[in-house]
Amino acid sequence: QLQLVESGGGLVQPGGSLRLSCTVSGLTLDSYHIGWFRQAPGKEREGISCISSSDGSTNYTDSVKGRFTISRDNAKNTVYLQMNSLKAEDTAVYHCAADRLLTLVKAMCTLNQAWYDYWGQGTQVTVSS
């Protein structure tokens, strides 16, 4: 059974850091693109970062470039999102998701959530003083 479980969220002060983890089962990270998405209260869910299955290439939305870093540990079946210099506007529920189709056609990962078939339950990140 394919499953994604996020962890690592919490309350942090502005300027602080958190590392989110997305642990997967029922799939291998070299066969699925993994994306991180977030949804703030009253806003639509947005894609913030992804990592491609084949070569580990990465993509970021502009608002997090230079502050967030996505990485993976294939042996641990885990994808990480290191978040530094956090701002109040980063407050949201963060989800990871898995995409198989773009991997099959050898395309890079995308921040478009429509491509992702499998989702975790999310972890809350709150940035506040």
C-alpha atoms as a PDB file:
ATOM      1  CA  GLN A   1       0.000   0.000   0.000  1.00  0.00           C
ATOM      2  CA  LEU A   2       1.440   3.334  -1.055  1.00  0.00           C
ATOM      3  CA  GLN A   3       1.685   5.814   1.796  1.00  0.00           C
ATOM      4  CA  LEU A   4       3.327   9.168   2.489  1.00  0.00           C
ATOM      5  CA  VAL A   5       3.721  10.487   6.024  1.00  0.00           C
ATOM      6  CA  GLU A   6       4.910  14.003   6.838  1.00  0.00           C
ATOM      7  CA  SER A   7       6.543  15.012  10.093  1.00  0.00           C
ATOM      8  CA  GLY A   8       8.638  17.799  11.553  1.00  0.00           C
ATOM      9  CA  GLY A   9       6.156  20.630  11.642  1.00  0.00           C
ATOM     10  CA  GLY A  10       5.680  22.885  14.619  1.00  0.00           C
ATOM     11  CA  LEU A  11       5.823  26.413  15.973  1.00  0.00           C
ATOM     12  CA  VAL A  12       8.904  28.477  15.160  1.00  0.00           C
ATOM     13  CA  GLN A  13       9.809  32.131  15.481  1.00  0.00           C
ATOM     14  CA  PRO A  14      10.388  34.308  12.416  1.00  0.00           C
ATOM     15  CA  GLY A  15      13.896  33.770  11.122  1.00  0.00           C
ATOM     16  CA  GLY A  16      14.013  30.259  12.511  1.00  0.00           C
ATOM     17  CA  SER A  17      14.363  26.903  10.804  1.00  0.00           C
ATOM     18  CA  LEU A  18      12.498  23.628  10.532  1.00  0.00           C
ATOM     19  CA  ARG A  19      13.140  20.421   8.651  1.00  0.00           C
ATOM     20  CA  LEU A  20      10.151  18.525   7.348  1.00  0.00           C
ATOM     21  CA  SER A  21      10.330  14.854   6.484  1.00  0.00           C
ATOM     22  CA  CYS A  22       8.210  12.867   4.057  1.00  0.00           C
ATOM     23  CA  THR A  23       8.610   9.147   4.632  1.00  0.00           C
ATOM     24  CA  VAL A  24       7.188   6.957   1.898  1.00  0.00           C
ATOM     25  CA  SER A  25       6.222   3.309   1.741  1.00  0.00           C
ATOM     26  CA  GLY A  26       4.962   1.207  -1.113  1.00  0.00           C
ATOM     27  CA  LEU A  27       7.110   3.089  -3.621  1.00  0.00           C
ATOM     28  CA  THR A  28      10.738   3.878  -4.280  1.00  0.00           C
ATOM     29  CA  LEU A  29      12.101   7.378  -4.627  1.00  0.00           C
ATOM     30  CA  ASP A  30      13.850   6.531  -7.888  1.00  0.00           C
ATOM     31  CA  SER A  31      10.464   5.792  -9.472  1.00  0.00           C
ATOM     32  CA  TYR A  32       8.335   8.701  -8.291  1.00  0.00           C
ATOM     33  CA  HIS A  33       8.758  12.449  -8.317  1.00  0.00           C
ATOM     34  CA  ILE A  34       8.063  13.920  -4.888  1.00  0.00           C
ATOM     35  CA  GLY A  35       6.646  17.370  -4.371  1.00  0.00           C
ATOM     36  CA  TRP A  36       6.049  19.587  -1.360  1.00  0.00           C
ATOM     37  CA  PHE A  37       2.915  21.688  -1.265  1.00  0.00           C
ATOM     38  CA  ARG A  38       1.384  23.998   1.285  1.00  0.00           C
ATOM     39  CA  GLN A  39      -2.001  25.471   2.034  1.00  0.00           C
ATOM     40  CA  ALA A  40      -2.461  28.511   4.217  1.00  0.00           C
ATOM     41  CA  PRO A  41      -5.837  29.367   5.773  1.00  0.00           C
ATOM     42  CA  GLY A  42      -8.148  30.857   3.190  1.00  0.00           C
ATOM     43  CA  LYS A  43      -5.711  30.268   0.353  1.00  0.00           C
ATOM     44  CA  GLU A  44      -5.342  27.699  -2.381  1.00  0.00           C
ATOM     45  CA  ARG A  45      -2.778  24.973  -2.104  1.00  0.00           C
ATOM     46  CA  GLU A  46       0.483  25.865  -3.840  1.00  0.00           C
ATOM     47  CA  GLY A  47       3.458  23.849  -4.979  1.00  0.00           C
ATOM     48  CA  ILE A  48       6.693  24.980  -3.384  1.00  0.00           C
ATOM     49  CA  SER A  49       9.324  22.409  -4.277  1.00  0.00           C
ATOM     50  CA  CYS A  50       9.860  19.074  -5.972  1.00  0.00           C
ATOM     51  CA  ILE A  51      12.611  16.563  -6.610  1.00  0.00           C
ATOM     52  CA  SER A  52      12.817  14.398  -9.688  1.00  0.00           C
ATOM     53  CA  SER A  53      13.072  10.641  -9.408  1.00  0.00           C
ATOM     54  CA  SER A  54      15.810   9.917 -11.920  1.00  0.00           C
ATOM     55  CA  ASP A  55      18.531  12.480 -11.277  1.00  0.00           C
ATOM     56  CA  GLY A  56      17.381  14.283  -8.155  1.00  0.00           C
ATOM     57  CA  SER A  57      17.004  17.579  -9.965  1.00  0.00           C
ATOM     58  CA  THR A  58      14.990  20.110  -8.020  1.00  0.00           C
ATOM     59  CA  ASN A  59      12.568  22.932  -8.576  1.00  0.00           C
ATOM     60  CA  TYR A  60      11.347  25.718  -6.293  1.00  0.00           C
ATOM     61  CA  THR A  61       8.708  28.363  -6.368  1.00  0.00           C
ATOM     62  CA  ASP A  62      10.122  31.877  -6.291  1.00  0.00           C
ATOM     63  CA  SER A  63       8.935  32.699  -2.781  1.00  0.00           C
ATOM     64  CA  VAL A  64      11.104  29.995  -1.198  1.00  0.00           C
ATOM     65  CA  LYS A  65      14.192  30.048  -3.430  1.00  0.00           C
ATOM     66  CA  GLY A  66      17.325  30.553  -1.389  1.00  0.00           C
ATOM     67  CA  ARG A  67      15.525  29.690   1.857  1.00  0.00           C
ATOM     68  CA  PHE A  68      14.200  26.150   1.365  1.00  0.00           C
ATOM     69  CA  THR A  69      16.132  23.091   0.237  1.00  0.00           C
ATOM     70  CA  ILE A  70      14.635  19.784  -0.851  1.00  0.00           C
ATOM     71  CA  SER A  71      16.684  16.601  -0.633  1.00  0.00           C
ATOM     72  CA  ARG A  72      16.191  12.881  -0.377  1.00  0.00           C
ATOM     73  CA  ASP A  73      17.685   9.796   1.214  1.00  0.00           C
ATOM     74  CA  ASN A  74      16.770   6.821  -0.941  1.00  0.00           C
ATOM     75  CA  ALA A  75      17.982   4.338   1.671  1.00  0.00           C
ATOM     76  CA  LYS A  76      15.573   5.807   4.217  1.00  0.00           C
ATOM     77  CA  ASN A  77      12.759   6.342   1.701  1.00  0.00           C
ATOM     78  CA  THR A  78      12.553   9.897   2.935  1.00  0.00           C
ATOM     79  CA  VAL A  79      12.407  13.296   1.296  1.00  0.00           C
ATOM     80  CA  TYR A  80      13.307  16.346   3.352  1.00  0.00           C
ATOM     81  CA  LEU A  81      12.428  19.998   3.144  1.00  0.00           C
ATOM     82  CA  GLN A  82      14.884  22.179   5.027  1.00  0.00           C
ATOM     83  CA  MET A  83      13.261  25.526   5.702  1.00  0.00           C
ATOM     84  CA  ASN A  84      15.418  28.435   6.822  1.00  0.00           C
ATOM     85  CA  SER A  85      14.736  32.124   7.397  1.00  0.00           C
ATOM     86  CA  LEU A  86      11.096  31.352   7.990  1.00  0.00           C
ATOM     87  CA  LYS A  87       8.543  34.113   7.691  1.00  0.00           C
ATOM     88  CA  ALA A  88       5.024  34.512   9.000  1.00  0.00           C
ATOM     89  CA  GLU A  89       3.722  33.986   5.470  1.00  0.00           C
ATOM     90  CA  ASP A  90       5.215  30.488   5.463  1.00  0.00           C
ATOM     91  CA  THR A  91       2.559  29.448   7.970  1.00  0.00           C
ATOM     92  CA  ALA A  92       0.531  26.654   6.386  1.00  0.00           C
ATOM     93  CA  VAL A  93      -0.195  22.962   6.363  1.00  0.00           C
ATOM     94  CA  TYR A  94       2.583  21.296   4.390  1.00  0.00           C
ATOM     95  CA  HIS A  95       1.913  18.184   2.333  1.00  0.00           C
ATOM     96  CA  CYS A  96       4.144  15.915   0.325  1.00  0.00           C
ATOM     97  CA  ALA A  97       2.876  14.074  -2.722  1.00  0.00           C
ATOM     98  CA  ALA A  98       4.061  11.508  -5.249  1.00  0.00           C
ATOM     99  CA  ASP A  99       3.814  11.581  -9.037  1.00  0.00           C
ATOM    100  CA  ARG A 100       4.435   8.544 -11.201  1.00  0.00           C
ATOM    101  CA  LEU A 101       3.223   9.641 -14.633  1.00  0.00           C
ATOM    102  CA  LEU A 102       5.848  12.292 -15.364  1.00  0.00           C
ATOM    103  CA  THR A 103       8.506   9.819 -14.278  1.00  0.00           C
ATOM    104  CA  LEU A 104       7.229   7.323 -16.851  1.00  0.00           C
ATOM    105  CA  VAL A 105       7.533   9.857 -19.657  1.00  0.00           C
ATOM    106  CA  LYS A 106      10.947  10.966 -18.372  1.00  0.00           C
ATOM    107  CA  ALA A 107       9.876  14.511 -17.642  1.00  0.00           C
ATOM    108  CA  MET A 108      11.129  16.571 -14.729  1.00  0.00           C
ATOM    109  CA  CYS A 109       9.043  17.053 -11.648  1.00  0.00           C
ATOM    110  CA  THR A 110       6.489  19.826 -11.623  1.00  0.00           C
ATOM    111  CA  LEU A 111       4.962  22.137  -9.021  1.00  0.00           C
ATOM    112  CA  ASN A 112       1.550  21.616 -10.620  1.00  0.00           C
ATOM    113  CA  GLN A 113      -0.429  19.600  -8.089  1.00  0.00           C
ATOM    114  CA  ALA A 114      -2.655  18.113 -10.795  1.00  0.00           C
ATOM    115  CA  TRP A 115       0.096  15.645 -11.672  1.00  0.00           C
ATOM    116  CA  TYR A 116       0.325  14.187  -8.179  1.00  0.00           C
ATOM    117  CA  ASP A 117      -1.729  11.127  -7.355  1.00  0.00           C
ATOM    118  CA  TYR A 118      -0.724  10.249  -3.817  1.00  0.00           C
ATOM    119  CA  TRP A 119      -0.763  12.618  -0.878  1.00  0.00           C
ATOM    120  CA  GLY A 120       0.217  12.658   2.762  1.00  0.00           C
ATOM    121  CA  GLN A 121      -2.029  13.975   5.514  1.00  0.00           C
ATOM    122  CA  GLY A 122       0.038  17.098   6.107  1.00  0.00           C
ATOM    123  CA  THR A 123       1.971  18.709   8.930  1.00  0.00           C
ATOM    124  CA  GLN A 124       1.300  22.147  10.393  1.00  0.00           C
ATOM    125  CA  VAL A 125       3.990  24.806  10.291  1.00  0.00           C
ATOM    126  CA  THR A 126       3.338  27.979  12.254  1.00  0.00           C
ATOM    127  CA  VAL A 127       5.756  30.892  12.143  1.00  0.00           C
ATOM    128  CA  SER A 128       4.985  33.369  14.884  1.00  0.00           C
ATOM    129  CA  SER A 129       6.662  35.326  17.633  1.00  0.00           C
END
